[in-house]
PDB file of N, CA and C in Angstrom:
ATOM      1  N   MET A   1      13.904 -12.681  -9.316  1.00  0.00           N
ATOM      2  CA  MET A   1      14.025 -11.235  -9.191  1.00  0.00           C
ATOM      3  C   MET A   1      13.659 -10.821  -7.768  1.00  0.00           C
ATOM      4  N   ASN A   2      14.251  -9.704  -7.336  1.00  0.00           N
ATOM      5  CA  ASN A   2      13.892  -9.203  -6.016  1.00  0.00           C
ATOM      6  C   ASN A   2      12.906  -8.043  -6.150  1.00  0.00           C
ATOM      7  N   ILE A   3      12.553  -7.438  -5.033  1.00  0.00           N
ATOM      8  CA  ILE A   3      11.484  -6.430  -5.022  1.00  0.00           C
ATOM      9  C   ILE A   3      11.804  -5.218  -5.890  1.00  0.00           C
ATOM     10  N   GLN A   4      13.074  -4.924  -6.127  1.00  0.00           N
ATOM     11  CA  GLN A   4      13.429  -3.768  -6.946  1.00  0.00           C
ATOM     12  C   GLN A   4      12.944  -3.917  -8.393  1.00  0.00           C
ATOM     13  N   PHE A   5      12.647  -5.124  -8.814  1.00  0.00           N
ATOM     14  CA  PHE A   5      12.144  -5.359 -10.169  1.00  0.00           C
ATOM     15  C   PHE A   5      10.628  -5.218 -10.263  1.00  0.00           C
ATOM     16  N   TYR A   6       9.970  -4.948  -9.136  1.00  0.00           N
ATOM     17  CA  TYR A   6       8.514  -4.800  -9.081  1.00  0.00           C
ATOM     18  C   TYR A   6       8.195  -3.447  -8.455  1.00  0.00           C
ATOM     19  N   PRO A   7       8.194  -2.375  -9.241  1.00  0.00           N
ATOM     20  CA  PRO A   7       8.058  -1.027  -8.677  1.00  0.00           C
ATOM     21  C   PRO A   7       6.776  -0.796  -7.879  1.00  0.00           C
ATOM     22  N   ASP A   8       5.654  -1.388  -8.273  1.00  0.00           N
ATOM     23  CA  ASP A   8       4.420  -1.192  -7.516  1.00  0.00           C
ATOM     24  C   ASP A   8       4.536  -1.786  -6.119  1.00  0.00           C
ATOM     25  N   GLU A   9       5.152  -2.944  -6.032  1.00  0.00           N
ATOM     26  CA  GLU A   9       5.326  -3.597  -4.743  1.00  0.00           C
ATOM     27  C   GLU A   9       6.341  -2.841  -3.890  1.00  0.00           C
ATOM     28  N   LEU A  10       7.406  -2.367  -4.496  1.00  0.00           N
ATOM     29  CA  LEU A  10       8.415  -1.599  -3.769  1.00  0.00           C
ATOM     30  C   LEU A  10       7.812  -0.300  -3.228  1.00  0.00           C
ATOM     31  N   ASP A  11       7.027   0.388  -4.043  1.00  0.00           N
ATOM     32  CA  ASP A  11       6.389   1.621  -3.589  1.00  0.00           C
ATOM     33  C   ASP A  11       5.447   1.339  -2.418  1.00  0.00           C
ATOM     34  N   TYR A  12       4.677   0.268  -2.510  1.00  0.00           N
ATOM     35  CA  TYR A  12       3.769  -0.117  -1.427  1.00  0.00           C
ATOM     36  C   TYR A  12       4.548  -0.332  -0.131  1.00  0.00           C
ATOM     37  N   VAL A  13       5.603  -1.105  -0.203  1.00  0.00           N
ATOM     38  CA  VAL A  13       6.399  -1.408   0.988  1.00  0.00           C
ATOM     39  C   VAL A  13       6.987  -0.130   1.568  1.00  0.00           C
ATOM     40  N   ASN A  14       7.539   0.717   0.732  1.00  0.00           N
ATOM     41  CA  ASN A  14       8.128   1.969   1.225  1.00  0.00           C
ATOM     42  C   ASN A  14       7.087   2.856   1.900  1.00  0.00           C
ATOM     43  N   VAL A  15       5.911   2.955   1.316  1.00  0.00           N
ATOM     44  CA  VAL A  15       4.855   3.786   1.900  1.00  0.00           C
ATOM     45  C   VAL A  15       4.388   3.205   3.232  1.00  0.00           C
ATOM     46  N   LYS A  16       4.191   1.920   3.298  1.00  0.00           N
ATOM     47  CA  LYS A  16       3.687   1.300   4.525  1.00  0.00           C
ATOM     48  C   LYS A  16       4.711   1.332   5.658  1.00  0.00           C
ATOM     49  N   LEU A  17       5.997   1.367   5.337  1.00  0.00           N
ATOM     50  CA  LEU A  17       7.021   1.385   6.376  1.00  0.00           C
ATOM     51  C   LEU A  17       7.392   2.788   6.833  1.00  0.00           C
ATOM     52  N   ARG A  18       6.952   3.793   6.135  1.00  0.00           N
ATOM     53  CA  ARG A  18       7.243   5.172   6.533  1.00  0.00           C
ATOM     54  C   ARG A  18       6.560   5.476   7.858  1.00  0.00           C
ATOM     55  N   PRO A  19       7.151   6.383   8.647  1.00  0.00           N
ATOM     56  CA  PRO A  19       6.511   6.751   9.923  1.00  0.00           C
ATOM     57  C   PRO A  19       5.082   7.261   9.747  1.00  0.00           C
ATOM     58  N   ALA A  20       4.789   7.900   8.619  1.00  0.00           N
ATOM     59  CA  ALA A  20       3.430   8.396   8.381  1.00  0.00           C
ATOM     60  C   ALA A  20       2.497   7.296   7.890  1.00  0.00           C
ATOM     61  N   GLY A  21       3.035   6.106   7.646  1.00  0.00           N
ATOM     62  CA  GLY A  21       2.228   5.002   7.141  1.00  0.00           C
ATOM     63  C   GLY A  21       1.360   4.383   8.220  1.00  0.00           C
ATOM     64  N   HIS A  22       0.801   3.233   7.908  1.00  0.00           N
ATOM     65  CA  HIS A  22      -0.169   2.595   8.786  1.00  0.00           C
ATOM     66  C   HIS A  22       0.441   1.525   9.679  1.00  0.00           C
ATOM     67  N   THR A  23       1.702   1.305   9.583  1.00  0.00           N
ATOM     68  CA  THR A  23       2.301   0.229  10.363  1.00  0.00           C
ATOM     69  C   THR A  23       3.685   0.644  10.833  1.00  0.00           C
ATOM     70  N   ASP A  24       4.264  -0.168  11.646  1.00  0.00           N
ATOM     71  CA  ASP A  24       5.651   0.062  12.054  1.00  0.00           C
ATOM     72  C   ASP A  24       6.374  -1.271  12.053  1.00  0.00           C
ATOM     73  N   GLU A  25       7.666  -1.210  12.330  1.00  0.00           N
ATOM     74  CA  GLU A  25       8.487  -2.405  12.236  1.00  0.00           C
ATOM     75  C   GLU A  25       8.221  -3.416  13.344  1.00  0.00           C
ATOM     76  N   SER A  26       7.444  -3.058  14.361  1.00  0.00           N
ATOM     77  CA  SER A  26       7.170  -3.998  15.442  1.00  0.00           C
ATOM     78  C   SER A  26       5.896  -4.806  15.186  1.00  0.00           C
ATOM     79  N   SER A  27       5.168  -4.490  14.147  1.00  0.00           N
ATOM     80  CA  SER A  27       3.954  -5.239  13.822  1.00  0.00           C
ATOM     81  C   SER A  27       4.279  -6.402  12.884  1.00  0.00           C
ATOM     82  N   PHE A  28       3.342  -7.315  12.746  1.00  0.00           N
ATOM     83  CA  PHE A  28       3.526  -8.420  11.813  1.00  0.00           C
ATOM     84  C   PHE A  28       3.735  -7.889  10.407  1.00  0.00           C
ATOM     85  N   LEU A  29       2.877  -6.960   9.990  1.00  0.00           N
ATOM     86  CA  LEU A  29       2.988  -6.425   8.633  1.00  0.00           C
ATOM     87  C   LEU A  29       4.336  -5.732   8.441  1.00  0.00           C
ATOM     88  N   GLY A  30       4.752  -4.943   9.423  1.00  0.00           N
ATOM     89  CA  GLY A  30       6.042  -4.262   9.311  1.00  0.00           C
ATOM     90  C   GLY A  30       7.203  -5.234   9.193  1.00  0.00           C
ATOM     91  N   THR A  31       7.180  -6.282  10.004  1.00  0.00           N
ATOM     92  CA  THR A  31       8.233  -7.290   9.955  1.00  0.00           C
ATOM     93  C   THR A  31       8.225  -8.008   8.606  1.00  0.00           C
ATOM     94  N   PHE A  32       7.039  -8.338   8.122  1.00  0.00           N
ATOM     95  CA  PHE A  32       6.913  -9.012   6.821  1.00  0.00           C
ATOM     96  C   PHE A  32       7.428  -8.112   5.702  1.00  0.00           C
ATOM     97  N   LEU A  33       7.084  -6.837   5.745  1.00  0.00           N
ATOM     98  CA  LEU A  33       7.520  -5.912   4.695  1.00  0.00           C
ATOM     99  C   LEU A  33       9.031  -5.738   4.714  1.00  0.00           C
ATOM    100  N   LEU A  34       9.627  -5.703   5.893  1.00  0.00           N
ATOM    101  CA  LEU A  34      11.091  -5.641   5.977  1.00  0.00           C
ATOM    102  C   LEU A  34      11.716  -6.902   5.380  1.00  0.00           C
ATOM    103  N   ALA A  35      11.091  -8.039   5.627  1.00  0.00           N
ATOM    104  CA  ALA A  35      11.592  -9.292   5.043  1.00  0.00           C
ATOM    105  C   ALA A  35      11.532  -9.220   3.520  1.00  0.00           C
ATOM    106  N   CYS A  36      10.471  -8.637   2.992  1.00  0.00           N
ATOM    107  CA  CYS A  36      10.355  -8.493   1.533  1.00  0.00           C
ATOM    108  C   CYS A  36      11.468  -7.611   0.988  1.00  0.00           C
ATOM    109  N   LEU A  37      11.785  -6.538   1.700  1.00  0.00           N
ATOM    110  CA  LEU A  37      12.860  -5.648   1.255  1.00  0.00           C
ATOM    111  C   LEU A  37      14.222  -6.327   1.289  1.00  0.00           C
ATOM    112  N   ARG A  38      14.423  -7.185   2.266  1.00  0.00           N
ATOM    113  CA  ARG A  38      15.732  -7.806   2.461  1.00  0.00           C
ATOM    114  C   ARG A  38      15.912  -9.124   1.722  1.00  0.00           C
ATOM    115  N   ALA A  39      14.851  -9.656   1.169  1.00  0.00           N
ATOM    116  CA  ALA A  39      14.914 -10.978   0.535  1.00  0.00           C
ATOM    117  C   ALA A  39      15.751 -10.947  -0.745  1.00  0.00           C
ATOM    118  N   ASP A  40      16.503 -12.009  -0.947  1.00  0.00           N
ATOM    119  CA  ASP A  40      17.250 -12.138  -2.192  1.00  0.00           C
ATOM    120  C   ASP A  40      16.294 -12.601  -3.288  1.00  0.00           C
ATOM    121  N   CYS A  41      16.816 -12.790  -4.473  1.00  0.00           N
ATOM    122  CA  CYS A  41      15.979 -13.114  -5.636  1.00  0.00           C
ATOM    123  C   CYS A  41      15.137 -14.375  -5.434  1.00  0.00           C
ATOM    124  N   GLN A  42      15.729 -15.424  -4.935  1.00  0.00           N
ATOM    125  CA  GLN A  42      14.983 -16.671  -4.754  1.00  0.00           C
ATOM    126  C   GLN A  42      13.924 -16.542  -3.669  1.00  0.00           C
ATOM    127  N   ASN A  43      14.290 -15.948  -2.550  1.00  0.00           N
ATOM    128  CA  ASN A  43      13.347 -15.857  -1.447  1.00  0.00           C
ATOM    129  C   ASN A  43      12.246 -14.840  -1.697  1.00  0.00           C
ATOM    130  N   TYR A  44      12.521 -13.779  -2.432  1.00  0.00           N
ATOM    131  CA  TYR A  44      11.464 -12.815  -2.715  1.00  0.00           C
ATOM    132  C   TYR A  44      10.357 -13.462  -3.539  1.00  0.00           C
ATOM    133  N   GLU A  45      10.717 -14.313  -4.461  1.00  0.00           N
ATOM    134  CA  GLU A  45       9.686 -14.971  -5.282  1.00  0.00           C
ATOM    135  C   GLU A  45       8.782 -15.856  -4.430  1.00  0.00           C
ATOM    136  N   ILE A  46       9.280 -16.342  -3.302  1.00  0.00           N
ATOM    137  CA  ILE A  46       8.454 -17.121  -2.376  1.00  0.00           C
ATOM    138  C   ILE A  46       7.519 -16.188  -1.605  1.00  0.00           C
ATOM    139  N   LEU A  47       8.016 -15.021  -1.213  1.00  0.00           N
ATOM    140  CA  LEU A  47       7.227 -14.064  -0.433  1.00  0.00           C
ATOM    141  C   LEU A  47       6.226 -13.280  -1.276  1.00  0.00           C
ATOM    142  N   ARG A  48       6.498 -13.146  -2.543  1.00  0.00           N
ATOM    143  CA  ARG A  48       5.710 -12.265  -3.409  1.00  0.00           C
ATOM    144  C   ARG A  48       4.208 -12.552  -3.410  1.00  0.00           C
ATOM    145  N   PRO A  49       3.759 -13.805  -3.522  1.00  0.00           N
ATOM    146  CA  PRO A  49       2.304 -14.033  -3.492  1.00  0.00           C
ATOM    147  C   PRO A  49       1.657 -13.543  -2.193  1.00  0.00           C
ATOM    148  N   ALA A  50       2.330 -13.745  -1.064  1.00  0.00           N
ATOM    149  CA  ALA A  50       1.781 -13.267   0.204  1.00  0.00           C
ATOM    150  C   ALA A  50       1.747 -11.742   0.235  1.00  0.00           C
ATOM    151  N   LEU A  51       2.771 -11.095  -0.305  1.00  0.00           N
ATOM    152  CA  LEU A  51       2.782  -9.634  -0.363  1.00  0.00           C
ATOM    153  C   LEU A  51       1.614  -9.122  -1.196  1.00  0.00           C
ATOM    154  N   GLN A  52       1.338  -9.761  -2.298  1.00  0.00           N
ATOM    155  CA  GLN A  52       0.231  -9.330  -3.150  1.00  0.00           C
ATOM    156  C   GLN A  52      -1.112  -9.450  -2.425  1.00  0.00           C
ATOM    157  N   VAL A  53      -1.259 -10.487  -1.604  1.00  0.00           N
ATOM    158  CA  VAL A  53      -2.475 -10.626  -0.794  1.00  0.00           C
ATOM    159  C   VAL A  53      -2.539  -9.499   0.234  1.00  0.00           C
ATOM    160  N   MET A  54      -1.413  -9.226   0.893  1.00  0.00           N
ATOM    161  CA  MET A  54      -1.382  -8.157   1.895  1.00  0.00           C
ATOM    162  C   MET A  54      -1.665  -6.798   1.257  1.00  0.00           C
ATOM    163  N   MET A  55      -1.218  -6.589   0.027  1.00  0.00           N
ATOM    164  CA  MET A  55      -1.473  -5.325  -0.666  1.00  0.00           C
ATOM    165  C   MET A  55      -2.970  -5.122  -0.885  1.00  0.00           C
ATOM    166  N   ARG A  56      -3.687  -6.215  -1.134  1.00  0.00           N
ATOM    167  CA  ARG A  56      -5.144  -6.109  -1.310  1.00  0.00           C
ATOM    168  C   ARG A  56      -5.848  -5.953   0.040  1.00  0.00           C
ATOM    169  N   LYS A  57      -5.359  -6.655   1.046  1.00  0.00           N
ATOM    170  CA  LYS A  57      -5.986  -6.640   2.365  1.00  0.00           C
ATOM    171  C   LYS A  57      -5.731  -5.330   3.114  1.00  0.00           C
ATOM    172  N   GLU A  58      -4.523  -4.800   3.018  1.00  0.00           N
ATOM    173  CA  GLU A  58      -4.098  -3.584   3.734  1.00  0.00           C
ATOM    174  C   GLU A  58      -3.600  -2.551   2.716  1.00  0.00           C
ATOM    175  N   PRO A  59      -4.490  -1.978   1.916  1.00  0.00           N
ATOM    176  CA  PRO A  59      -4.023  -1.055   0.869  1.00  0.00           C
ATOM    177  C   PRO A  59      -3.330   0.176   1.458  1.00  0.00           C
ATOM    178  N   ALA A  60      -2.400   0.690   0.692  1.00  0.00           N
ATOM    179  CA  ALA A  60      -1.688   1.913   1.074  1.00  0.00           C
ATOM    180  C   ALA A  60      -2.506   3.127   0.660  1.00  0.00           C
ATOM    181  N   ASP A  61      -2.266   4.223   1.315  1.00  0.00           N
ATOM    182  CA  ASP A  61      -2.938   5.480   0.997  1.00  0.00           C
ATOM    183  C   ASP A  61      -2.589   5.878  -0.439  1.00  0.00           C
ATOM    184  N   PRO A  62      -3.595   6.079  -1.287  1.00  0.00           N
ATOM    185  CA  PRO A  62      -3.330   6.428  -2.694  1.00  0.00           C
ATOM    186  C   PRO A  62      -2.498   7.699  -2.864  1.00  0.00           C
ATOM    187  N   GLU A  63      -2.705   8.693  -1.988  1.00  0.00           N
ATOM    188  CA  GLU A  63      -1.925   9.928  -2.088  1.00  0.00           C
ATOM    189  C   GLU A  63      -0.452   9.679  -1.797  1.00  0.00           C
ATOM    190  N   LEU A  64      -0.190   8.863  -0.770  1.00  0.00           N
ATOM    191  CA  LEU A  64       1.200   8.553  -0.435  1.00  0.00           C
ATOM    192  C   LEU A  64       1.853   7.717  -1.530  1.00  0.00           C
ATOM    193  N   LEU A  65       1.088   6.820  -2.132  1.00  0.00           N
ATOM    194  CA  LEU A  65       1.635   6.036  -3.251  1.00  0.00           C
ATOM    195  C   LEU A  65       1.995   6.940  -4.425  1.00  0.00           C
ATOM    196  N   ALA A  66       1.120   7.908  -4.717  1.00  0.00           N
ATOM    197  CA  ALA A  66       1.395   8.838  -5.821  1.00  0.00           C
ATOM    198  C   ALA A  66       2.665   9.637  -5.547  1.00  0.00           C
ATOM    199  N   LYS A  67       2.835  10.071  -4.304  1.00  0.00           N
ATOM    200  CA  LYS A  67       4.053  10.801  -3.943  1.00  0.00           C
ATOM    201  C   LYS A  67       5.276   9.916  -4.058  1.00  0.00           C
ATOM    202  N   GLU A  68       5.156   8.670  -3.641  1.00  0.00           N
ATOM    203  CA  GLU A  68       6.287   7.728  -3.737  1.00  0.00           C
ATOM    204  C   GLU A  68       6.677   7.513  -5.195  1.00  0.00           C
ATOM    205  N   ARG A  69       5.705   7.384  -6.059  1.00  0.00           N
ATOM    206  CA  ARG A  69       5.978   7.155  -7.485  1.00  0.00           C
ATOM    207  C   ARG A  69       6.568   8.385  -8.147  1.00  0.00           C
ATOM    208  N   ALA A  70       6.225   9.561  -7.635  1.00  0.00           N
ATOM    209  CA  ALA A  70       6.741  10.802  -8.206  1.00  0.00           C
ATOM    210  C   ALA A  70       8.149  11.123  -7.692  1.00  0.00           C
ATOM    211  N   ASP A  71       8.561  10.487  -6.614  1.00  0.00           N
ATOM    212  CA  ASP A  71       9.864  10.748  -6.011  1.00  0.00           C
ATOM    213  C   ASP A  71      10.953  10.244  -6.963  1.00  0.00           C
ATOM    214  N   PRO A  72      11.895  11.110  -7.368  1.00  0.00           N
ATOM    215  CA  PRO A  72      12.929  10.684  -8.336  1.00  0.00           C
ATOM    216  C   PRO A  72      13.924   9.690  -7.763  1.00  0.00           C
ATOM    217  N   LYS A  73      13.967   9.498  -6.455  1.00  0.00           N
ATOM    218  CA  LYS A  73      14.849   8.544  -5.774  1.00  0.00           C
ATOM    219  C   LYS A  73      16.256   8.764  -6.223  1.00  0.00           C
TER     220      LYS A  73
END
């Protein structure tokens, strides 16, 4: 499965990559998060454990996560 099947992880990535977030695409975290978004089903499963570690190490703003989850997309 890819990141779209893991809504908590997708919300985290979207929040962290937003301009108001804590990172940008030129940082290691930003580049890694873009890789997670672009990974196919097989490769995302390889990246997923590292993403879960990064989610604990670099948590997203709870308010921004709540807004992301409330967004009807």
